[in-house]
Amino acid sequence: MTYKNSSAYTISIMAILTAFLIIQSFIPMVGYINIIPGLPAVTTIHLTVIIGAVILGTRQGAILGLIWGLISLFRAYTSPGDPLSLLIFQNPIIAILPRLMAGMIAGFTFQHLYQTKIRKTGAMALAGIFGALINTILVIGLTRVLYGHQAAGMYHTDPTHLIIVMLGVVALNAVMEATLAAVVTPLVATPLMRFKRTQ
């Protein structure tokens, strides 16, 4: 068994990425960047999860997403960034499920596309986009289902229009996060995978 395929290699990379998740979560303006006060922050944490999923696979991507979700849950109780985060991310379902699925979908997308004729860089970029978007979509959808009336009150709108309003509020964030993932994932994952093959 080569080092690159050993459990020690996977454990080492997972430990490093988990440390990044913790650093991004608790150092101001690293993992959550507040561009407009009062609105949800733009996150960079999804990059760590997506890159891990691309390098290590779907299972490890899901585990990293789970870790991100647990950290989100903890932060919602200790240092919520805005009123909406205080409302929704104290729910374990909203805090954890979208993050877990982001890692899972990113890993699955890359593995599936990598087996087709799509170039590796393109597969990584699409994995980044899908991983970022699935997190946003699930957070909005679960908020509508579980906290429709409360969230609608915060946005001064009717619950039936909540999804449209929330999409409008987070549209810029979602585009920025997906674009960032599409660009950064290949830039970071490609050399790491080359290094992996040389071990």
C-alpha atoms as a PDB file:
ATOM      1  CA  MET A   1       0.000   0.000   0.000  1.00  0.00           C
ATOM      2  CA  THR A   2       1.401   3.390  -0.966  1.00  0.00           C
ATOM      3  CA  TYR A   3       1.357   6.377   1.339  1.00  0.00           C
ATOM      4  CA  LYS A   4      -1.104   8.243  -0.831  1.00  0.00           C
ATOM      5  CA  ASN A   5      -3.689   5.509  -0.384  1.00  0.00           C
ATOM      6  CA  SER A   6      -3.086   4.932   3.315  1.00  0.00           C
ATOM      7  CA  SER A   7      -5.443   5.910   6.059  1.00  0.00           C
ATOM      8  CA  ALA A   8      -2.598   7.932   7.579  1.00  0.00           C
ATOM      9  CA  TYR A   9      -2.567  10.207   4.530  1.00  0.00           C
ATOM     10  CA  THR A  10      -6.317  10.767   4.700  1.00  0.00           C
ATOM     11  CA  ILE A  11      -6.238  11.376   8.442  1.00  0.00           C
ATOM     12  CA  SER A  12      -3.409  13.891   8.048  1.00  0.00           C
ATOM     13  CA  ILE A  13      -5.185  15.879   5.337  1.00  0.00           C
ATOM     14  CA  MET A  14      -8.473  15.753   7.239  1.00  0.00           C
ATOM     15  CA  ALA A  15      -6.747  17.071  10.358  1.00  0.00           C
ATOM     16  CA  ILE A  16      -5.223  19.974   8.411  1.00  0.00           C
ATOM     17  CA  LEU A  17      -8.521  20.866   6.738  1.00  0.00           C
ATOM     18  CA  THR A  18     -10.401  20.623  10.041  1.00  0.00           C
ATOM     19  CA  ALA A  19      -7.893  23.040  11.552  1.00  0.00           C
ATOM     20  CA  PHE A  20      -8.570  25.404   8.634  1.00  0.00           C
ATOM     21  CA  LEU A  21     -12.307  25.149   9.277  1.00  0.00           C
ATOM     22  CA  ILE A  22     -11.815  26.118  12.909  1.00  0.00           C
ATOM     23  CA  ILE A  23      -9.523  29.027  12.007  1.00  0.00           C
ATOM     24  CA  GLN A  24     -11.926  30.274   9.344  1.00  0.00           C
ATOM     25  CA  SER A  25     -14.867  30.024  11.723  1.00  0.00           C
ATOM     26  CA  PHE A  26     -13.438  31.923  14.650  1.00  0.00           C
ATOM     27  CA  ILE A  27     -10.999  34.484  13.244  1.00  0.00           C
ATOM     28  CA  PRO A  28     -12.971  37.580  12.168  1.00  0.00           C
ATOM     29  CA  MET A  29     -13.154  38.334   8.444  1.00  0.00           C
ATOM     30  CA  VAL A  30     -11.472  35.063   7.450  1.00  0.00           C
ATOM     31  CA  GLY A  31     -14.272  32.539   7.087  1.00  0.00           C
ATOM     32  CA  TYR A  32     -17.208  34.951   7.264  1.00  0.00           C
ATOM     33  CA  ILE A  33     -16.798  38.307   5.560  1.00  0.00           C
ATOM     34  CA  ASN A  34     -19.436  40.904   6.408  1.00  0.00           C
ATOM     35  CA  ILE A  35     -19.670  43.183   3.390  1.00  0.00           C
ATOM     36  CA  ILE A  36     -22.999  44.838   4.250  1.00  0.00           C
ATOM     37  CA  PRO A  37     -23.908  45.154   7.951  1.00  0.00           C
ATOM     38  CA  GLY A  38     -27.112  43.347   8.858  1.00  0.00           C
ATOM     39  CA  LEU A  39     -27.019  41.022   5.847  1.00  0.00           C
ATOM     40  CA  PRO A  40     -25.684  37.454   5.794  1.00  0.00           C
ATOM     41  CA  ALA A  41     -21.897  37.276   5.536  1.00  0.00           C
ATOM     42  CA  VAL A  42     -20.073  35.971   2.484  1.00  0.00           C
ATOM     43  CA  THR A  43     -18.402  32.727   3.516  1.00  0.00           C
ATOM     44  CA  THR A  44     -15.086  31.249   2.416  1.00  0.00           C
ATOM     45  CA  ILE A  45     -15.421  28.151   4.604  1.00  0.00           C
ATOM     46  CA  HIS A  46     -17.136  26.218   1.831  1.00  0.00           C
ATOM     47  CA  LEU A  47     -13.840  26.315  -0.087  1.00  0.00           C
ATOM     48  CA  THR A  48     -12.123  24.133   2.504  1.00  0.00           C
ATOM     49  CA  VAL A  49     -14.960  21.609   2.433  1.00  0.00           C
ATOM     50  CA  ILE A  50     -15.135  21.516  -1.366  1.00  0.00           C
ATOM     51  CA  ILE A  51     -11.367  21.202  -1.824  1.00  0.00           C
ATOM     52  CA  GLY A  52     -11.323  18.367   0.703  1.00  0.00           C
ATOM     53  CA  ALA A  53     -14.147  16.624  -1.138  1.00  0.00           C
ATOM     54  CA  VAL A  54     -12.313  16.920  -4.465  1.00  0.00           C
ATOM     55  CA  ILE A  55      -9.008  15.655  -3.095  1.00  0.00           C
ATOM     56  CA  LEU A  56     -10.224  12.963  -0.701  1.00  0.00           C
ATOM     57  CA  GLY A  57     -13.630  11.957  -2.040  1.00  0.00           C
ATOM     58  CA  THR A  58     -17.326  12.187  -1.284  1.00  0.00           C
ATOM     59  CA  ARG A  59     -17.229  10.556   2.150  1.00  0.00           C
ATOM     60  CA  GLN A  60     -14.497  12.830   3.472  1.00  0.00           C
ATOM     61  CA  GLY A  61     -16.230  15.829   1.894  1.00  0.00           C
ATOM     62  CA  ALA A  62     -19.400  14.939   3.792  1.00  0.00           C
ATOM     63  CA  ILE A  63     -17.433  14.596   7.037  1.00  0.00           C
ATOM     64  CA  LEU A  64     -15.828  18.013   6.527  1.00  0.00           C
ATOM     65  CA  GLY A  65     -19.277  19.430   5.798  1.00  0.00           C
ATOM     66  CA  LEU A  66     -20.555  17.855   9.012  1.00  0.00           C
ATOM     67  CA  ILE A  67     -17.716  19.482  10.957  1.00  0.00           C
ATOM     68  CA  TRP A  68     -18.533  22.831   9.356  1.00  0.00           C
ATOM     69  CA  GLY A  69     -22.181  22.357  10.310  1.00  0.00           C
ATOM     70  CA  LEU A  70     -21.350  21.570  13.923  1.00  0.00           C
ATOM     71  CA  ILE A  71     -19.162  24.660  14.103  1.00  0.00           C
ATOM     72  CA  SER A  72     -22.005  26.725  12.591  1.00  0.00           C
ATOM     73  CA  LEU A  73     -24.358  25.386  15.253  1.00  0.00           C
ATOM     74  CA  PHE A  74     -21.876  26.282  17.992  1.00  0.00           C
ATOM     75  CA  ARG A  75     -21.338  29.795  16.601  1.00  0.00           C
ATOM     76  CA  ALA A  76     -25.085  30.397  16.391  1.00  0.00           C
ATOM     77  CA  TYR A  77     -25.297  29.967  20.161  1.00  0.00           C
ATOM     78  CA  THR A  78     -22.089  31.803  21.041  1.00  0.00           C
ATOM     79  CA  SER A  79     -21.566  34.544  18.432  1.00  0.00           C
ATOM     80  CA  PRO A  80     -24.361  34.863  15.836  1.00  0.00           C
ATOM     81  CA  GLY A  81     -23.487  37.281  13.071  1.00  0.00           C
ATOM     82  CA  ASP A  82     -26.990  38.634  12.358  1.00  0.00           C
ATOM     83  CA  PRO A  83     -30.595  38.167  13.558  1.00  0.00           C
ATOM     84  CA  LEU A  84     -31.435  35.647  10.839  1.00  0.00           C
ATOM     85  CA  SER A  85     -28.429  33.493  11.735  1.00  0.00           C
ATOM     86  CA  LEU A  86     -29.507  33.608  15.360  1.00  0.00           C
ATOM     87  CA  LEU A  87     -32.923  32.301  14.307  1.00  0.00           C
ATOM     88  CA  ILE A  88     -32.072  29.579  11.817  1.00  0.00           C
ATOM     89  CA  PHE A  89     -28.615  28.224  12.638  1.00  0.00           C
ATOM     90  CA  GLN A  90     -29.565  27.288  16.173  1.00  0.00           C
ATOM     91  CA  ASN A  91     -31.603  24.555  14.485  1.00  0.00           C
ATOM     92  CA  PRO A  92     -29.281  21.545  13.951  1.00  0.00           C
ATOM     93  CA  ILE A  93     -31.057  20.602  10.725  1.00  0.00           C
ATOM     94  CA  ILE A  94     -30.378  23.956   9.054  1.00  0.00           C
ATOM     95  CA  ALA A  95     -26.918  24.312  10.576  1.00  0.00           C
ATOM     96  CA  ILE A  96     -25.671  20.852   9.608  1.00  0.00           C
ATOM     97  CA  LEU A  97     -27.598  19.350   6.673  1.00  0.00           C
ATOM     98  CA  PRO A  98     -26.764  22.007   4.011  1.00  0.00           C
ATOM     99  CA  ARG A  99     -23.063  21.954   4.952  1.00  0.00           C
ATOM    100  CA  LEU A 100     -22.916  18.161   4.925  1.00  0.00           C
ATOM    101  CA  MET A 101     -24.632  18.063   1.536  1.00  0.00           C
ATOM    102  CA  ALA A 102     -22.265  20.716   0.156  1.00  0.00           C
ATOM    103  CA  GLY A 103     -19.309  18.430   0.807  1.00  0.00           C
ATOM    104  CA  MET A 104     -21.131  15.362  -0.436  1.00  0.00           C
ATOM    105  CA  ILE A 105     -22.383  16.975  -3.653  1.00  0.00           C
ATOM    106  CA  ALA A 106     -18.985  18.525  -4.398  1.00  0.00           C
ATOM    107  CA  GLY A 107     -17.242  15.183  -4.022  1.00  0.00           C
ATOM    108  CA  PHE A 108     -19.850  13.293  -6.013  1.00  0.00           C
ATOM    109  CA  THR A 109     -19.858  15.913  -8.797  1.00  0.00           C
ATOM    110  CA  PHE A 110     -16.091  15.813  -9.200  1.00  0.00           C
ATOM    111  CA  GLN A 111     -15.883  12.027  -9.126  1.00  0.00           C
ATOM    112  CA  HIS A 112     -18.711  11.694 -11.657  1.00  0.00           C
ATOM    113  CA  LEU A 113     -17.457  14.360 -14.058  1.00  0.00           C
ATOM    114  CA  TYR A 114     -13.843  13.217 -13.780  1.00  0.00           C
ATOM    115  CA  GLN A 115     -14.924   9.886 -15.284  1.00  0.00           C
ATOM    116  CA  THR A 116     -16.357  11.664 -18.314  1.00  0.00           C
ATOM    117  CA  LYS A 117     -14.581  13.637 -21.034  1.00  0.00           C
ATOM    118  CA  ILE A 118     -14.727  16.857 -19.017  1.00  0.00           C
ATOM    119  CA  ARG A 119     -11.249  18.130 -18.156  1.00  0.00           C
ATOM    120  CA  LYS A 120     -10.157  17.850 -14.549  1.00  0.00           C
ATOM    121  CA  THR A 121     -10.074  21.626 -14.123  1.00  0.00           C
ATOM    122  CA  GLY A 122     -13.632  21.921 -15.406  1.00  0.00           C
ATOM    123  CA  ALA A 123     -14.795  19.098 -13.143  1.00  0.00           C
ATOM    124  CA  MET A 124     -13.233  20.839 -10.147  1.00  0.00           C
ATOM    125  CA  ALA A 125     -14.812  24.171 -11.063  1.00  0.00           C
ATOM    126  CA  LEU A 126     -18.267  22.622 -11.431  1.00  0.00           C
ATOM    127  CA  ALA A 127     -17.835  20.731  -8.170  1.00  0.00           C
ATOM    128  CA  GLY A 128     -17.078  24.060  -6.526  1.00  0.00           C
ATOM    129  CA  ILE A 129     -20.132  25.732  -8.033  1.00  0.00           C
ATOM    130  CA  PHE A 130     -22.533  22.922  -7.149  1.00  0.00           C
ATOM    131  CA  GLY A 131     -21.115  22.570  -3.630  1.00  0.00           C
ATOM    132  CA  ALA A 132     -21.516  26.283  -2.963  1.00  0.00           C
ATOM    133  CA  LEU A 133     -25.002  26.542  -4.431  1.00  0.00           C
ATOM    134  CA  ILE A 134     -26.435  23.472  -2.707  1.00  0.00           C
ATOM    135  CA  ASN A 135     -25.561  24.999   0.657  1.00  0.00           C
ATOM    136  CA  THR A 136     -27.370  28.249  -0.180  1.00  0.00           C
ATOM    137  CA  ILE A 137     -30.391  26.519  -1.709  1.00  0.00           C
ATOM    138  CA  LEU A 138     -30.875  24.155   1.226  1.00  0.00           C
ATOM    139  CA  VAL A 139     -30.497  26.914   3.822  1.00  0.00           C
ATOM    140  CA  ILE A 140     -33.155  29.017   2.062  1.00  0.00           C
ATOM    141  CA  GLY A 141     -35.480  26.054   1.489  1.00  0.00           C
ATOM    142  CA  LEU A 142     -35.237  24.767   5.062  1.00  0.00           C
ATOM    143  CA  THR A 143     -35.727  28.280   6.427  1.00  0.00           C
ATOM    144  CA  ARG A 144     -38.913  28.599   4.395  1.00  0.00           C
ATOM    145  CA  VAL A 145     -40.212  25.245   5.653  1.00  0.00           C
ATOM    146  CA  LEU A 146     -39.213  25.531   9.307  1.00  0.00           C
ATOM    147  CA  TYR A 147     -39.244  29.279  10.005  1.00  0.00           C
ATOM    148  CA  GLY A 148     -41.349  30.798   7.256  1.00  0.00           C
ATOM    149  CA  HIS A 149     -43.390  33.175   9.412  1.00  0.00           C
ATOM    150  CA  GLN A 150     -40.514  34.317  11.643  1.00  0.00           C
ATOM    151  CA  ALA A 151     -38.148  34.920   8.730  1.00  0.00           C
ATOM    152  CA  ALA A 152     -40.891  36.681   6.754  1.00  0.00           C
ATOM    153  CA  GLY A 153     -41.389  39.028   9.699  1.00  0.00           C
ATOM    154  CA  MET A 154     -37.689  39.895   9.689  1.00  0.00           C
ATOM    155  CA  TYR A 155     -37.852  40.755   5.997  1.00  0.00           C
ATOM    156  CA  HIS A 156     -41.260  42.464   6.289  1.00  0.00           C
ATOM    157  CA  THR A 157     -42.819  40.287   3.637  1.00  0.00           C
ATOM    158  CA  ASP A 158     -45.494  37.645   3.219  1.00  0.00           C
ATOM    159  CA  PRO A 159     -44.373  34.033   3.908  1.00  0.00           C
ATOM    160  CA  THR A 160     -45.440  33.035   0.389  1.00  0.00           C
ATOM    161  CA  HIS A 161     -42.905  35.492  -1.021  1.00  0.00           C
ATOM    162  CA  LEU A 162     -40.141  34.640   1.442  1.00  0.00           C
ATOM    163  CA  ILE A 163     -38.042  32.515  -0.904  1.00  0.00           C
ATOM    164  CA  ILE A 164     -38.045  35.233  -3.559  1.00  0.00           C
ATOM    165  CA  VAL A 165     -37.051  37.853  -0.990  1.00  0.00           C
ATOM    166  CA  MET A 166     -34.327  35.670   0.524  1.00  0.00           C
ATOM    167  CA  LEU A 167     -32.953  34.843  -2.908  1.00  0.00           C
ATOM    168  CA  GLY A 168     -32.784  38.556  -3.593  1.00  0.00           C
ATOM    169  CA  VAL A 169     -30.994  39.212  -0.305  1.00  0.00           C
ATOM    170  CA  VAL A 170     -28.420  36.442  -0.715  1.00  0.00           C
ATOM    171  CA  ALA A 171     -28.145  36.544  -4.513  1.00  0.00           C
ATOM    172  CA  LEU A 172     -24.924  38.547  -4.460  1.00  0.00           C
ATOM    173  CA  ASN A 173     -23.464  36.317  -1.756  1.00  0.00           C
ATOM    174  CA  ALA A 174     -24.439  33.155  -3.633  1.00  0.00           C
ATOM    175  CA  VAL A 175     -22.894  34.378  -6.882  1.00  0.00           C
ATOM    176  CA  MET A 176     -19.715  35.471  -5.126  1.00  0.00           C
ATOM    177  CA  GLU A 177     -19.382  32.207  -3.209  1.00  0.00           C
ATOM    178  CA  ALA A 178     -20.025  30.057  -6.297  1.00  0.00           C
ATOM    179  CA  THR A 179     -17.612  32.098  -8.422  1.00  0.00           C
ATOM    180  CA  LEU A 180     -14.966  31.955  -5.714  1.00  0.00           C
ATOM    181  CA  ALA A 181     -15.393  28.190  -5.462  1.00  0.00           C
ATOM    182  CA  ALA A 182     -15.165  27.769  -9.250  1.00  0.00           C
ATOM    183  CA  VAL A 183     -11.887  29.709  -9.370  1.00  0.00           C
ATOM    184  CA  VAL A 184     -10.167  28.664  -6.135  1.00  0.00           C
ATOM    185  CA  THR A 185     -11.010  24.943  -6.158  1.00  0.00           C
ATOM    186  CA  PRO A 186      -8.972  24.105  -9.299  1.00  0.00           C
ATOM    187  CA  LEU A 187      -6.159  26.463  -8.278  1.00  0.00           C
ATOM    188  CA  VAL A 188      -5.685  24.758  -4.907  1.00  0.00           C
ATOM    189  CA  ALA A 189      -6.815  21.196  -5.597  1.00  0.00           C
ATOM    190  CA  THR A 190      -4.804  20.663  -8.793  1.00  0.00           C
ATOM    191  CA  PRO A 191      -1.323  21.060  -7.252  1.00  0.00           C
ATOM    192  CA  LEU A 192      -2.406  19.149  -4.158  1.00  0.00           C
ATOM    193  CA  MET A 193      -3.529  16.238  -6.316  1.00  0.00           C
ATOM    194  CA  ARG A 194      -0.229  16.336  -8.228  1.00  0.00           C
ATOM    195  CA  PHE A 195       1.610  16.215  -4.931  1.00  0.00           C
ATOM    196  CA  LYS A 196      -0.592  13.320  -3.873  1.00  0.00           C
ATOM    197  CA  ARG A 197       0.395  11.322  -6.946  1.00  0.00           C
ATOM    198  CA  THR A 198       4.109  11.840  -6.301  1.00  0.00           C
ATOM    199  CA  GLN A 199       3.967  10.298  -2.846  1.00  0.00           C
END
